[in-house]
Amino acid sequence: MALLSSLFIALWMLKTLEQPAVKGTYKVIADLHRQLWGMLKGQTQ
């Protein structure tokens, strides 16, 4: 859980920067986070 919350904070920090160079990285990390979250939710249900 600590990993997820730190990842969420990292995503939030990247999003608030809103720099063109960061946006591509943010999208990649957001997609990875979505996949990871989907897997975790699938395991708990």
PDB file of N, CA and C in Angstrom:
ATOM      1  N   MET A   1       0.822  -1.214   0.000  1.00  0.00           N
ATOM      2  CA  MET A   1       0.000   0.000   0.000  1.00  0.00           C
ATOM      3  C   MET A   1       0.860   1.270   0.000  1.00  0.00           C
ATOM      4  N   ALA A   2       1.981   1.214   0.701  1.00  0.00           N
ATOM      5  CA  ALA A   2       2.879   2.376   0.721  1.00  0.00           C
ATOM      6  C   ALA A   2       3.403   2.674  -0.685  1.00  0.00           C
ATOM      7  N   LEU A   3       3.637   1.588  -1.444  1.00  0.00           N
ATOM      8  CA  LEU A   3       4.119   1.751  -2.820  1.00  0.00           C
ATOM      9  C   LEU A   3       3.075   2.465  -3.672  1.00  0.00           C
ATOM     10  N   LEU A   4       1.818   2.066  -3.518  1.00  0.00           N
ATOM     11  CA  LEU A   4       0.749   2.689  -4.302  1.00  0.00           C
ATOM     12  C   LEU A   4       0.589   4.164  -3.958  1.00  0.00           C
ATOM     13  N   SER A   5       0.618   4.486  -2.664  1.00  0.00           N
ATOM     14  CA  SER A   5       0.435   5.884  -2.275  1.00  0.00           C
ATOM     15  C   SER A   5       1.606   6.748  -2.725  1.00  0.00           C
ATOM     16  N   SER A   6       2.827   6.207  -2.655  1.00  0.00           N
ATOM     17  CA  SER A   6       3.980   6.979  -3.122  1.00  0.00           C
ATOM     18  C   SER A   6       3.932   7.152  -4.637  1.00  0.00           C
ATOM     19  N   LEU A   7       3.450   6.121  -5.342  1.00  0.00           N
ATOM     20  CA  LEU A   7       3.295   6.214  -6.791  1.00  0.00           C
ATOM     21  C   LEU A   7       2.247   7.266  -7.142  1.00  0.00           C
ATOM     22  N   PHE A   8       1.155   7.285  -6.376  1.00  0.00           N
ATOM     23  CA  PHE A   8       0.093   8.266  -6.601  1.00  0.00           C
ATOM     24  C   PHE A   8       0.613   9.686  -6.385  1.00  0.00           C
ATOM     25  N   ILE A   9       1.404   9.874  -5.331  1.00  0.00           N
ATOM     26  CA  ILE A   9       1.995  11.189  -5.053  1.00  0.00           C
ATOM     27  C   ILE A   9       2.932  11.601  -6.185  1.00  0.00           C
ATOM     28  N   ALA A  10       3.724  10.636  -6.676  1.00  0.00           N
ATOM     29  CA  ALA A  10       4.638  10.919  -7.783  1.00  0.00           C
ATOM     30  C   ALA A  10       3.861  11.332  -9.033  1.00  0.00           C
ATOM     31  N   LEU A  11       2.752  10.638  -9.305  1.00  0.00           N
ATOM     32  CA  LEU A  11       1.913  10.980 -10.454  1.00  0.00           C
ATOM     33  C   LEU A  11       1.342  12.385 -10.297  1.00  0.00           C
ATOM     34  N   TRP A  12       0.873  12.703  -9.081  1.00  0.00           N
ATOM     35  CA  TRP A  12       0.293  14.015  -8.812  1.00  0.00           C
ATOM     36  C   TRP A  12       1.331  15.117  -9.008  1.00  0.00           C
ATOM     37  N   MET A  13       2.558  14.864  -8.530  1.00  0.00           N
ATOM     38  CA  MET A  13       3.632  15.845  -8.690  1.00  0.00           C
ATOM     39  C   MET A  13       3.960  16.051 -10.165  1.00  0.00           C
ATOM     40  N   LEU A  14       4.025  14.950 -10.929  1.00  0.00           N
ATOM     41  CA  LEU A  14       4.296  15.058 -12.362  1.00  0.00           C
ATOM     42  C   LEU A  14       3.191  15.843 -13.060  1.00  0.00           C
ATOM     43  N   LYS A  15       1.954  15.585 -12.674  1.00  0.00           N
ATOM     44  CA  LYS A  15       0.829  16.249 -13.324  1.00  0.00           C
ATOM     45  C   LYS A  15       0.836  17.751 -13.030  1.00  0.00           C
ATOM     46  N   THR A  16       1.218  18.128 -11.828  1.00  0.00           N
ATOM     47  CA  THR A  16       1.206  19.551 -11.482  1.00  0.00           C
ATOM     48  C   THR A  16       2.311  20.322 -12.192  1.00  0.00           C
ATOM     49  N   LEU A  17       3.371  19.628 -12.610  1.00  0.00           N
ATOM     50  CA  LEU A  17       4.445  20.311 -13.345  1.00  0.00           C
ATOM     51  C   LEU A  17       3.950  20.806 -14.699  1.00  0.00           C
ATOM     52  N   GLU A  18       3.151  19.957 -15.372  1.00  0.00           N
ATOM     53  CA  GLU A  18       2.563  20.315 -16.680  1.00  0.00           C
ATOM     54  C   GLU A  18       3.589  20.858 -17.678  1.00  0.00           C
ATOM     55  N   GLN A  19       4.739  20.242 -17.758  1.00  0.00           N
ATOM     56  CA  GLN A  19       5.739  20.624 -18.758  1.00  0.00           C
ATOM     57  C   GLN A  19       5.646  19.649 -19.926  1.00  0.00           C
ATOM     58  N   PRO A  20       5.852  20.129 -21.154  1.00  0.00           N
ATOM     59  CA  PRO A  20       5.743  19.255 -22.337  1.00  0.00           C
ATOM     60  C   PRO A  20       6.593  17.992 -22.230  1.00  0.00           C
ATOM     61  N   ALA A  21       7.805  18.109 -21.705  1.00  0.00           N
ATOM     62  CA  ALA A  21       8.688  16.949 -21.582  1.00  0.00           C
ATOM     63  C   ALA A  21       8.144  15.948 -20.566  1.00  0.00           C
ATOM     64  N   VAL A  22       7.413  16.460 -19.580  1.00  0.00           N
ATOM     65  CA  VAL A  22       6.898  15.609 -18.504  1.00  0.00           C
ATOM     66  C   VAL A  22       5.602  14.915 -18.922  1.00  0.00           C
ATOM     67  N   LYS A  23       4.824  15.558 -19.793  1.00  0.00           N
ATOM     68  CA  LYS A  23       3.508  15.020 -20.148  1.00  0.00           C
ATOM     69  C   LYS A  23       3.583  13.620 -20.738  1.00  0.00           C
ATOM     70  N   GLY A  24       4.569  13.364 -21.605  1.00  0.00           N
ATOM     71  CA  GLY A  24       4.729  12.033 -22.187  1.00  0.00           C
ATOM     72  C   GLY A  24       5.042  11.000 -21.118  1.00  0.00           C
ATOM     73  N   THR A  25       5.926  11.372 -20.193  1.00  0.00           N
ATOM     74  CA  THR A  25       6.292  10.477 -19.097  1.00  0.00           C
ATOM     75  C   THR A  25       5.085  10.231 -18.206  1.00  0.00           C
ATOM     76  N   TYR A  26       4.330  11.283 -17.914  1.00  0.00           N
ATOM     77  CA  TYR A  26       3.142  11.153 -17.070  1.00  0.00           C
ATOM     78  C   TYR A  26       2.148  10.184 -17.685  1.00  0.00           C
ATOM     79  N   LYS A  27       1.938  10.282 -18.988  1.00  0.00           N
ATOM     80  CA  LYS A  27       0.987   9.401 -19.669  1.00  0.00           C
ATOM     81  C   LYS A  27       1.425   7.946 -19.549  1.00  0.00           C
ATOM     82  N   VAL A  28       2.720   7.694 -19.740  1.00  0.00           N
ATOM     83  CA  VAL A  28       3.244   6.330 -19.631  1.00  0.00           C
ATOM     84  C   VAL A  28       3.038   5.786 -18.223  1.00  0.00           C
ATOM     85  N   ILE A  29       3.390   6.596 -17.218  1.00  0.00           N
ATOM     86  CA  ILE A  29       3.255   6.159 -15.826  1.00  0.00           C
ATOM     87  C   ILE A  29       1.783   5.993 -15.465  1.00  0.00           C
ATOM     88  N   ALA A  30       0.929   6.894 -15.954  1.00  0.00           N
ATOM     89  CA  ALA A  30      -0.497   6.795 -15.674  1.00  0.00           C
ATOM     90  C   ALA A  30      -1.077   5.511 -16.256  1.00  0.00           C
ATOM     91  N   ASP A  31      -0.655   5.160 -17.474  1.00  0.00           N
ATOM     92  CA  ASP A  31      -1.119   3.917 -18.099  1.00  0.00           C
ATOM     93  C   ASP A  31      -0.659   2.707 -17.296  1.00  0.00           C
ATOM     94  N   LEU A  32       0.610   2.710 -16.863  1.00  0.00           N
ATOM     95  CA  LEU A  32       1.139   1.618 -16.048  1.00  0.00           C
ATOM     96  C   LEU A  32       0.376   1.519 -14.734  1.00  0.00           C
ATOM     97  N   HIS A  33       0.110   2.668 -14.124  1.00  0.00           N
ATOM     98  CA  HIS A  33      -0.611   2.703 -12.854  1.00  0.00           C
ATOM     99  C   HIS A  33      -2.011   2.137 -13.025  1.00  0.00           C
ATOM    100  N   ARG A  34      -2.668   2.472 -14.141  1.00  0.00           N
ATOM    101  CA  ARG A  34      -4.011   1.982 -14.408  1.00  0.00           C
ATOM    102  C   ARG A  34      -4.005   0.459 -14.540  1.00  0.00           C
ATOM    103  N   GLN A  35      -3.019  -0.078 -15.261  1.00  0.00           N
ATOM    104  CA  GLN A  35      -2.910  -1.525 -15.436  1.00  0.00           C
ATOM    105  C   GLN A  35      -2.649  -2.208 -14.100  1.00  0.00           C
ATOM    106  N   LEU A  36      -1.740  -1.638 -13.308  1.00  0.00           N
ATOM    107  CA  LEU A  36      -1.393  -2.188 -12.000  1.00  0.00           C
ATOM    108  C   LEU A  36      -2.617  -2.185 -11.091  1.00  0.00           C
ATOM    109  N   TRP A  37      -3.338  -1.069 -11.082  1.00  0.00           N
ATOM    110  CA  TRP A  37      -4.524  -0.918 -10.248  1.00  0.00           C
ATOM    111  C   TRP A  37      -5.596  -1.927 -10.672  1.00  0.00           C
ATOM    112  N   GLY A  38      -5.765  -2.118 -11.970  1.00  0.00           N
ATOM    113  CA  GLY A  38      -6.730  -3.093 -12.477  1.00  0.00           C
ATOM    114  C   GLY A  38      -6.386  -4.501 -12.031  1.00  0.00           C
ATOM    115  N   MET A  39      -5.103  -4.837 -12.056  1.00  0.00           N
ATOM    116  CA  MET A  39      -4.655  -6.152 -11.609  1.00  0.00           C
ATOM    117  C   MET A  39      -4.918  -6.333 -10.122  1.00  0.00           C
ATOM    118  N   LEU A  40      -4.605  -5.310  -9.329  1.00  0.00           N
ATOM    119  CA  LEU A  40      -4.801  -5.387  -7.883  1.00  0.00           C
ATOM    120  C   LEU A  40      -6.282  -5.504  -7.543  1.00  0.00           C
ATOM    121  N   LYS A  41      -7.113  -4.738  -8.232  1.00  0.00           N
ATOM    122  CA  LYS A  41      -8.553  -4.801  -7.985  1.00  0.00           C
ATOM    123  C   LYS A  41      -9.104  -6.157  -8.389  1.00  0.00           C
ATOM    124  N   GLY A  42      -8.558  -6.721  -9.458  1.00  0.00           N
ATOM    125  CA  GLY A  42      -8.990  -8.041  -9.914  1.00  0.00           C
ATOM    126  C   GLY A  42      -8.659  -9.118  -8.900  1.00  0.00           C
ATOM    127  N   GLN A  43      -7.539  -8.968  -8.205  1.00  0.00           N
ATOM    128  CA  GLN A  43      -7.119  -9.957  -7.215  1.00  0.00           C
ATOM    129  C   GLN A  43      -7.974  -9.889  -5.960  1.00  0.00           C
ATOM    130  N   THR A  44      -8.405  -8.691  -5.571  1.00  0.00           N
ATOM    131  CA  THR A  44      -9.141  -8.549  -4.317  1.00  0.00           C
ATOM    132  C   THR A  44     -10.600  -8.955  -4.463  1.00  0.00           C
ATOM    133  N   GLN A  45     -11.132  -8.870  -5.680  1.00  0.00           N
ATOM    134  CA  GLN A  45     -12.548  -9.190  -5.868  1.00  0.00           C
ATOM    135  C   GLN A  45     -12.793 -10.682  -5.985  1.00  0.00           C
TER     136      GLN A  45
END
